[in-house]
Amino acid sequence: MELNGTIGERLTELMEEHGTDVKTLARQMNADPTTVRRWKRGATSLRAEQLIRLAELYSCSLEFLTGRSDRECSFSPKACPPFYPHFRALLQRKGISRCEIHRNTRAKSSHFDDWKRGSMPSVAMLLELADYLHVTLDVLVGRETE
């Protein structure tokens, strides 16, 4: 899947549907209008925090925004909790160890350390983790319960 292009297409669709112009979205996202234009073209990747913020602004699921689903939103999303504690609890519920994640995905020990310090995984890493754990992106980041 061409992720950046898919996100750009979905973003363009949502902006048109909601009557949002580039300058307005840039202001809402605290971004430069040029950056928003690049997102729409798929020329620039979004950070996970930006992806979540767009999903919040347009009341859609992360699954829809990334092109993994054609359903915009079939739930009332919760505010995202801090990633690392939520992720660790999800691993515990699934009976999956950190070592298994390290062995079976591209997530390395340094990623876990970064997440523990408060950073978010990249969008590509979120997709890989969601696939490995067999959950939606919204479940992975805590916007939805399993």
N, C-alpha and C. Protein backbone atom coordinates (compact mmCIF):
# COMPACT_ATOMS: atom_id res chain seq x y z
N MET A 1 0.85 -1.19 0.00
CA MET A 1 0.00 0.00 0.00
C MET A 1 0.89 1.24 0.00
N GLU A 2 0.56 2.20 -0.81
CA GLU A 2 1.26 3.48 -0.84
C GLU A 2 0.63 4.34 0.25
N LEU A 3 1.21 4.29 1.44
CA LEU A 3 0.60 4.90 2.62
C LEU A 3 0.46 6.41 2.51
N ASN A 4 1.54 7.12 2.17
CA ASN A 4 1.46 8.57 2.10
C ASN A 4 0.42 9.03 1.09
N GLY A 5 0.37 8.36 -0.07
CA GLY A 5 -0.62 8.70 -1.09
C GLY A 5 -2.03 8.45 -0.60
N THR A 6 -2.23 7.33 0.09
CA THR A 6 -3.55 7.01 0.61
C THR A 6 -4.00 8.04 1.65
N ILE A 7 -3.10 8.38 2.55
CA ILE A 7 -3.43 9.39 3.56
C ILE A 7 -3.74 10.71 2.87
N GLY A 8 -2.95 11.06 1.87
CA GLY A 8 -3.18 12.31 1.14
C GLY A 8 -4.55 12.32 0.46
N GLU A 9 -4.92 11.20 -0.14
CA GLU A 9 -6.24 11.10 -0.78
C GLU A 9 -7.35 11.23 0.25
N ARG A 10 -7.21 10.52 1.36
CA ARG A 10 -8.24 10.59 2.40
C ARG A 10 -8.32 11.99 2.99
N LEU A 11 -7.17 12.61 3.21
CA LEU A 11 -7.15 13.97 3.76
C LEU A 11 -7.84 14.93 2.80
N THR A 12 -7.55 14.83 1.53
CA THR A 12 -8.19 15.69 0.53
C THR A 12 -9.70 15.48 0.54
N GLU A 13 -10.11 14.23 0.59
CA GLU A 13 -11.54 13.90 0.64
C GLU A 13 -12.22 14.51 1.87
N LEU A 14 -11.57 14.36 3.03
CA LEU A 14 -12.14 14.89 4.27
C LEU A 14 -12.19 16.41 4.27
N MET A 15 -11.15 17.03 3.75
CA MET A 15 -11.14 18.50 3.67
C MET A 15 -12.27 19.01 2.79
N GLU A 16 -12.47 18.36 1.65
CA GLU A 16 -13.57 18.76 0.76
C GLU A 16 -14.92 18.55 1.42
N GLU A 17 -15.08 17.39 2.05
CA GLU A 17 -16.34 17.05 2.71
C GLU A 17 -16.69 18.04 3.83
N HIS A 18 -15.67 18.53 4.53
CA HIS A 18 -15.89 19.44 5.65
C HIS A 18 -15.69 20.91 5.28
N GLY A 19 -15.40 21.17 4.01
CA GLY A 19 -15.23 22.55 3.57
C GLY A 19 -14.02 23.23 4.19
N THR A 20 -12.96 22.48 4.41
CA THR A 20 -11.75 23.02 5.04
C THR A 20 -10.73 23.36 3.97
N ASP A 21 -10.18 24.57 4.04
CA ASP A 21 -9.11 24.91 3.10
C ASP A 21 -7.75 24.66 3.75
N VAL A 22 -6.72 24.73 2.96
CA VAL A 22 -5.37 24.42 3.41
C VAL A 22 -4.94 25.34 4.56
N LYS A 23 -5.23 26.62 4.45
CA LYS A 23 -4.81 27.57 5.50
C LYS A 23 -5.51 27.28 6.82
N THR A 24 -6.78 26.94 6.75
CA THR A 24 -7.53 26.63 7.98
C THR A 24 -6.97 25.38 8.64
N LEU A 25 -6.76 24.33 7.84
CA LEU A 25 -6.22 23.10 8.41
C LEU A 25 -4.81 23.33 8.96
N ALA A 26 -4.01 24.09 8.26
CA ALA A 26 -2.67 24.39 8.74
C ALA A 26 -2.74 25.07 10.11
N ARG A 27 -3.64 26.00 10.26
CA ARG A 27 -3.80 26.69 11.54
C ARG A 27 -4.25 25.70 12.62
N GLN A 28 -5.21 24.83 12.30
CA GLN A 28 -5.71 23.85 13.27
C GLN A 28 -4.63 22.85 13.67
N MET A 29 -3.74 22.55 12.75
CA MET A 29 -2.69 21.56 12.98
C MET A 29 -1.39 22.19 13.46
N ASN A 30 -1.36 23.52 13.55
CA ASN A 30 -0.14 24.23 13.93
C ASN A 30 0.99 23.86 12.96
N ALA A 31 0.66 23.91 11.68
CA ALA A 31 1.61 23.55 10.63
C ALA A 31 1.61 24.64 9.56
N ASP A 32 2.60 24.61 8.73
CA ASP A 32 2.69 25.54 7.62
C ASP A 32 1.76 25.06 6.50
N PRO A 33 1.09 25.97 5.79
CA PRO A 33 0.24 25.56 4.68
C PRO A 33 0.98 24.71 3.63
N THR A 34 2.25 24.99 3.41
CA THR A 34 3.04 24.19 2.46
C THR A 34 3.11 22.75 2.92
N THR A 35 3.24 22.54 4.21
CA THR A 35 3.29 21.18 4.76
C THR A 35 1.97 20.45 4.52
N VAL A 36 0.86 21.15 4.73
CA VAL A 36 -0.46 20.53 4.50
C VAL A 36 -0.60 20.17 3.03
N ARG A 37 -0.16 21.03 2.14
CA ARG A 37 -0.21 20.71 0.70
C ARG A 37 0.62 19.46 0.40
N ARG A 38 1.76 19.33 1.04
CA ARG A 38 2.60 18.15 0.85
C ARG A 38 1.91 16.89 1.39
N TRP A 39 1.23 17.01 2.52
CA TRP A 39 0.47 15.87 3.06
C TRP A 39 -0.57 15.43 2.03
N LYS A 40 -1.27 16.41 1.47
CA LYS A 40 -2.32 16.08 0.50
C LYS A 40 -1.75 15.39 -0.74
N ARG A 41 -0.56 15.75 -1.15
CA ARG A 41 0.09 15.13 -2.32
C ARG A 41 0.77 13.82 -1.96
N GLY A 42 0.88 13.54 -0.67
CA GLY A 42 1.59 12.34 -0.24
C GLY A 42 3.09 12.50 -0.32
N ALA A 43 3.56 13.75 -0.41
CA ALA A 43 4.98 14.01 -0.56
C ALA A 43 5.71 14.08 0.78
N THR A 44 4.98 14.23 1.85
CA THR A 44 5.58 14.33 3.19
C THR A 44 4.82 13.42 4.12
N SER A 45 5.54 12.68 4.92
CA SER A 45 4.91 11.79 5.89
C SER A 45 4.45 12.58 7.11
N LEU A 46 3.36 12.11 7.68
CA LEU A 46 2.87 12.69 8.93
C LEU A 46 3.48 11.93 10.09
N ARG A 47 3.66 12.62 11.20
CA ARG A 47 4.04 11.95 12.44
C ARG A 47 2.76 11.36 13.04
N ALA A 48 2.92 10.38 13.91
CA ALA A 48 1.76 9.72 14.52
C ALA A 48 0.86 10.72 15.23
N GLU A 49 1.46 11.67 15.93
CA GLU A 49 0.67 12.67 16.64
C GLU A 49 -0.19 13.49 15.68
N GLN A 50 0.37 13.79 14.51
CA GLN A 50 -0.37 14.56 13.51
C GLN A 50 -1.51 13.72 12.92
N LEU A 51 -1.23 12.46 12.68
CA LEU A 51 -2.26 11.55 12.16
C LEU A 51 -3.44 11.47 13.13
N ILE A 52 -3.13 11.32 14.41
CA ILE A 52 -4.17 11.25 15.45
C ILE A 52 -4.95 12.55 15.51
N ARG A 53 -4.25 13.67 15.43
CA ARG A 53 -4.92 14.98 15.48
C ARG A 53 -5.87 15.14 14.29
N LEU A 54 -5.44 14.71 13.09
CA LEU A 54 -6.32 14.78 11.92
C LEU A 54 -7.56 13.92 12.12
N ALA A 55 -7.37 12.72 12.66
CA ALA A 55 -8.51 11.84 12.92
C ALA A 55 -9.47 12.49 13.92
N GLU A 56 -8.92 13.19 14.90
CA GLU A 56 -9.77 13.89 15.88
C GLU A 56 -10.52 15.03 15.21
N LEU A 57 -9.82 15.83 14.41
CA LEU A 57 -10.45 16.97 13.75
C LEU A 57 -11.59 16.55 12.83
N TYR A 58 -11.39 15.44 12.11
CA TYR A 58 -12.38 15.01 11.14
C TYR A 58 -13.26 13.87 11.65
N SER A 59 -13.18 13.58 12.94
CA SER A 59 -14.01 12.55 13.56
C SER A 59 -14.01 11.26 12.74
N CYS A 60 -12.83 10.81 12.38
CA CYS A 60 -12.72 9.56 11.64
C CYS A 60 -11.75 8.63 12.35
N SER A 61 -11.76 7.40 11.95
CA SER A 61 -10.84 6.44 12.54
C SER A 61 -9.48 6.55 11.87
N LEU A 62 -8.46 6.12 12.58
CA LEU A 62 -7.13 6.05 12.00
C LEU A 62 -7.11 5.03 10.87
N GLU A 63 -7.92 3.99 11.00
CA GLU A 63 -8.03 2.98 9.96
C GLU A 63 -8.51 3.61 8.65
N PHE A 64 -9.50 4.50 8.75
CA PHE A 64 -10.01 5.18 7.55
C PHE A 64 -8.95 6.11 6.98
N LEU A 65 -8.34 6.89 7.83
CA LEU A 65 -7.37 7.89 7.39
C LEU A 65 -6.17 7.27 6.69
N THR A 66 -5.79 6.07 7.11
CA THR A 66 -4.64 5.39 6.49
C THR A 66 -5.04 4.47 5.34
N GLY A 67 -6.34 4.38 5.07
CA GLY A 67 -6.80 3.55 3.96
C GLY A 67 -6.95 2.09 4.30
N ARG A 68 -6.91 1.74 5.58
CA ARG A 68 -7.07 0.34 5.99
C ARG A 68 -8.53 -0.05 6.10
N SER A 69 -9.43 0.95 6.06
CA SER A 69 -10.86 0.70 6.13
C SER A 69 -11.57 1.79 5.34
N ASP A 70 -12.73 1.46 4.81
CA ASP A 70 -13.53 2.46 4.12
C ASP A 70 -14.60 3.07 5.03
N ARG A 71 -14.67 2.59 6.26
CA ARG A 71 -15.63 3.14 7.22
C ARG A 71 -14.95 4.28 7.98
N GLU A 72 -15.54 5.46 7.89
CA GLU A 72 -14.92 6.64 8.51
C GLU A 72 -14.80 6.50 10.02
N CYS A 73 -15.90 6.18 10.67
CA CYS A 73 -15.85 6.10 12.12
C CYS A 73 -17.09 5.34 12.59
N SER A 74 -16.86 4.25 13.28
CA SER A 74 -17.99 3.48 13.78
C SER A 74 -17.94 3.37 15.30
N PHE A 75 -17.33 4.35 15.93
CA PHE A 75 -17.20 4.36 17.37
C PHE A 75 -17.03 5.79 17.84
N SER A 76 -17.16 5.99 19.12
CA SER A 76 -16.89 7.30 19.71
C SER A 76 -15.49 7.24 20.30
N PRO A 77 -14.50 7.77 19.58
CA PRO A 77 -13.12 7.63 20.04
C PRO A 77 -12.87 8.34 21.37
N LYS A 78 -12.01 7.72 22.15
CA LYS A 78 -11.57 8.30 23.41
C LYS A 78 -10.32 9.12 23.14
N ALA A 79 -9.98 9.97 24.08
CA ALA A 79 -8.70 10.68 23.98
C ALA A 79 -7.58 9.65 24.15
N CYS A 80 -6.53 9.83 23.41
CA CYS A 80 -5.41 8.88 23.48
C CYS A 80 -4.68 8.99 24.81
N PRO A 81 -4.49 7.86 25.48
CA PRO A 81 -3.66 7.87 26.68
C PRO A 81 -2.19 7.93 26.26
N PRO A 82 -1.29 8.13 27.21
CA PRO A 82 0.14 8.04 26.85
C PRO A 82 0.40 6.68 26.21
N PHE A 83 1.18 6.66 25.14
CA PHE A 83 1.34 5.46 24.34
C PHE A 83 1.95 4.29 25.11
N TYR A 84 3.09 4.50 25.73
CA TYR A 84 3.84 3.39 26.30
C TYR A 84 3.06 2.60 27.35
N PRO A 85 2.47 3.25 28.37
CA PRO A 85 1.71 2.45 29.36
C PRO A 85 0.54 1.70 28.71
N HIS A 86 -0.12 2.35 27.77
CA HIS A 86 -1.24 1.69 27.08
C HIS A 86 -0.73 0.49 26.28
N PHE A 87 0.38 0.66 25.57
CA PHE A 87 0.95 -0.40 24.76
C PHE A 87 1.38 -1.58 25.63
N ARG A 88 2.03 -1.29 26.74
CA ARG A 88 2.46 -2.36 27.65
C ARG A 88 1.24 -3.13 28.18
N ALA A 89 0.17 -2.43 28.53
CA ALA A 89 -1.04 -3.09 29.01
C ALA A 89 -1.66 -3.95 27.90
N LEU A 90 -1.64 -3.46 26.67
CA LEU A 90 -2.15 -4.22 25.54
C LEU A 90 -1.33 -5.50 25.34
N LEU A 91 -0.02 -5.38 25.41
CA LEU A 91 0.84 -6.56 25.30
C LEU A 91 0.53 -7.57 26.40
N GLN A 92 0.34 -7.07 27.60
CA GLN A 92 0.03 -7.95 28.74
C GLN A 92 -1.30 -8.68 28.51
N ARG A 93 -2.33 -7.94 28.06
CA ARG A 93 -3.63 -8.56 27.80
C ARG A 93 -3.53 -9.63 26.71
N LYS A 94 -2.66 -9.41 25.74
CA LYS A 94 -2.50 -10.35 24.64
C LYS A 94 -1.51 -11.47 24.97
N GLY A 95 -0.83 -11.35 26.11
CA GLY A 95 0.15 -12.37 26.49
C GLY A 95 1.39 -12.36 25.60
N ILE A 96 1.77 -11.17 25.15
CA ILE A 96 2.92 -11.02 24.26
C ILE A 96 4.01 -10.24 25.00
N SER A 97 5.21 -10.76 24.96
CA SER A 97 6.32 -10.11 25.66
C SER A 97 7.00 -9.08 24.76
N ARG A 98 7.74 -8.22 25.40
CA ARG A 98 8.55 -7.23 24.70
C ARG A 98 9.56 -7.95 23.80
N CYS A 99 10.11 -9.06 24.28
CA CYS A 99 11.07 -9.84 23.49
C CYS A 99 10.42 -10.36 22.20
N GLU A 100 9.17 -10.79 22.29
CA GLU A 100 8.47 -11.28 21.09
C GLU A 100 8.29 -10.15 20.08
N ILE A 101 7.93 -8.98 20.58
CA ILE A 101 7.77 -7.82 19.69
C ILE A 101 9.11 -7.52 19.03
N HIS A 102 10.16 -7.53 19.82
CA HIS A 102 11.51 -7.24 19.30
C HIS A 102 11.92 -8.27 18.25
N ARG A 103 11.61 -9.53 18.50
CA ARG A 103 11.99 -10.61 17.59
C ARG A 103 11.17 -10.61 16.29
N ASN A 104 9.91 -10.23 16.37
CA ASN A 104 9.00 -10.41 15.24
C ASN A 104 8.60 -9.14 14.50
N THR A 105 9.09 -8.00 14.96
CA THR A 105 8.82 -6.73 14.27
C THR A 105 10.14 -5.96 14.19
N ARG A 106 10.08 -4.80 13.59
CA ARG A 106 11.27 -3.95 13.52
C ARG A 106 11.44 -3.10 14.77
N ALA A 107 10.60 -3.28 15.78
CA ALA A 107 10.72 -2.52 17.04
C ALA A 107 11.95 -3.01 17.80
N LYS A 108 12.82 -2.10 18.10
CA LYS A 108 14.06 -2.41 18.81
C LYS A 108 14.00 -1.90 20.24
N SER A 109 14.95 -2.29 21.04
CA SER A 109 15.00 -1.85 22.43
C SER A 109 15.00 -0.34 22.54
N SER A 110 15.71 0.32 21.63
CA SER A 110 15.77 1.78 21.66
C SER A 110 14.40 2.40 21.41
N HIS A 111 13.57 1.74 20.60
CA HIS A 111 12.21 2.24 20.38
C HIS A 111 11.43 2.20 21.69
N PHE A 112 11.53 1.08 22.39
CA PHE A 112 10.82 0.96 23.66
C PHE A 112 11.28 2.05 24.63
N ASP A 113 12.58 2.33 24.65
CA ASP A 113 13.10 3.37 25.53
C ASP A 113 12.54 4.74 25.14
N ASP A 114 12.49 5.01 23.84
CA ASP A 114 11.93 6.29 23.37
C ASP A 114 10.46 6.40 23.75
N TRP A 115 9.70 5.32 23.55
CA TRP A 115 8.27 5.34 23.87
C TRP A 115 8.06 5.52 25.36
N LYS A 116 8.92 4.91 26.15
CA LYS A 116 8.81 5.05 27.61
C LYS A 116 9.04 6.50 28.02
N ARG A 117 9.89 7.20 27.27
CA ARG A 117 10.17 8.62 27.56
C ARG A 117 9.10 9.54 26.99
N GLY A 118 8.09 8.98 26.33
CA GLY A 118 6.97 9.80 25.88
C GLY A 118 6.83 10.01 24.39
N SER A 119 7.75 9.51 23.58
CA SER A 119 7.58 9.69 22.14
C SER A 119 6.62 8.64 21.59
N MET A 120 6.12 8.91 20.41
CA MET A 120 5.20 7.99 19.73
C MET A 120 5.98 7.23 18.67
N PRO A 121 5.53 6.03 18.35
CA PRO A 121 6.13 5.31 17.21
C PRO A 121 5.85 6.06 15.91
N SER A 122 6.63 5.77 14.91
CA SER A 122 6.34 6.31 13.58
C SER A 122 5.03 5.69 13.09
N VAL A 123 4.43 6.30 12.10
CA VAL A 123 3.20 5.75 11.52
C VAL A 123 3.47 4.35 10.97
N ALA A 124 4.61 4.18 10.29
CA ALA A 124 4.95 2.86 9.76
C ALA A 124 5.07 1.82 10.88
N MET A 125 5.65 2.20 12.00
CA MET A 125 5.78 1.28 13.13
C MET A 125 4.41 0.97 13.74
N LEU A 126 3.55 1.99 13.84
CA LEU A 126 2.19 1.75 14.34
C LEU A 126 1.48 0.72 13.47
N LEU A 127 1.61 0.86 12.16
CA LEU A 127 0.98 -0.08 11.24
C LEU A 127 1.53 -1.49 11.45
N GLU A 128 2.84 -1.61 11.59
CA GLU A 128 3.45 -2.92 11.78
C GLU A 128 3.01 -3.54 13.11
N LEU A 129 2.97 -2.74 14.17
CA LEU A 129 2.55 -3.26 15.47
C LEU A 129 1.08 -3.67 15.45
N ALA A 130 0.24 -2.85 14.84
CA ALA A 130 -1.20 -3.17 14.76
C ALA A 130 -1.40 -4.49 14.00
N ASP A 131 -0.68 -4.66 12.91
CA ASP A 131 -0.79 -5.91 12.15
C ASP A 131 -0.32 -7.10 12.98
N TYR A 132 0.82 -6.94 13.64
CA TYR A 132 1.36 -8.04 14.44
C TYR A 132 0.42 -8.42 15.59
N LEU A 133 -0.17 -7.41 16.22
CA LEU A 133 -1.05 -7.65 17.37
C LEU A 133 -2.49 -7.95 16.95
N HIS A 134 -2.78 -7.84 15.66
CA HIS A 134 -4.14 -8.08 15.14
C HIS A 134 -5.16 -7.14 15.80
N VAL A 135 -4.81 -5.85 15.84
CA VAL A 135 -5.71 -4.83 16.36
C VAL A 135 -5.76 -3.68 15.37
N THR A 136 -6.74 -2.83 15.53
CA THR A 136 -6.81 -1.62 14.70
C THR A 136 -5.81 -0.60 15.24
N LEU A 137 -5.50 0.37 14.43
CA LEU A 137 -4.64 1.46 14.89
C LEU A 137 -5.28 2.20 16.05
N ASP A 138 -6.59 2.33 16.00
CA ASP A 138 -7.30 3.04 17.07
C ASP A 138 -7.20 2.29 18.39
N VAL A 139 -7.25 0.98 18.36
CA VAL A 139 -7.04 0.18 19.58
C VAL A 139 -5.59 0.32 20.04
N LEU A 140 -4.66 0.27 19.11
CA LEU A 140 -3.24 0.34 19.45
C LEU A 140 -2.90 1.63 20.18
N VAL A 141 -3.47 2.76 19.75
CA VAL A 141 -3.13 4.03 20.40
C VAL A 141 -4.10 4.40 21.52
N GLY A 142 -5.11 3.57 21.74
CA GLY A 142 -6.02 3.80 22.86
C GLY A 142 -7.24 4.64 22.57
N ARG A 143 -7.54 4.90 21.31
CA ARG A 143 -8.75 5.66 20.95
C ARG A 143 -9.98 4.78 21.00
N GLU A 144 -9.77 3.46 20.99
CA GLU A 144 -10.87 2.50 20.97
C GLU A 144 -10.46 1.31 21.82
N THR A 145 -11.45 0.65 22.43
CA THR A 145 -11.15 -0.55 23.19
C THR A 145 -11.37 -1.77 22.30
N GLU A 146 -10.74 -2.86 22.69
CA GLU A 146 -10.85 -4.10 21.89
C GLU A 146 -12.24 -4.67 21.98
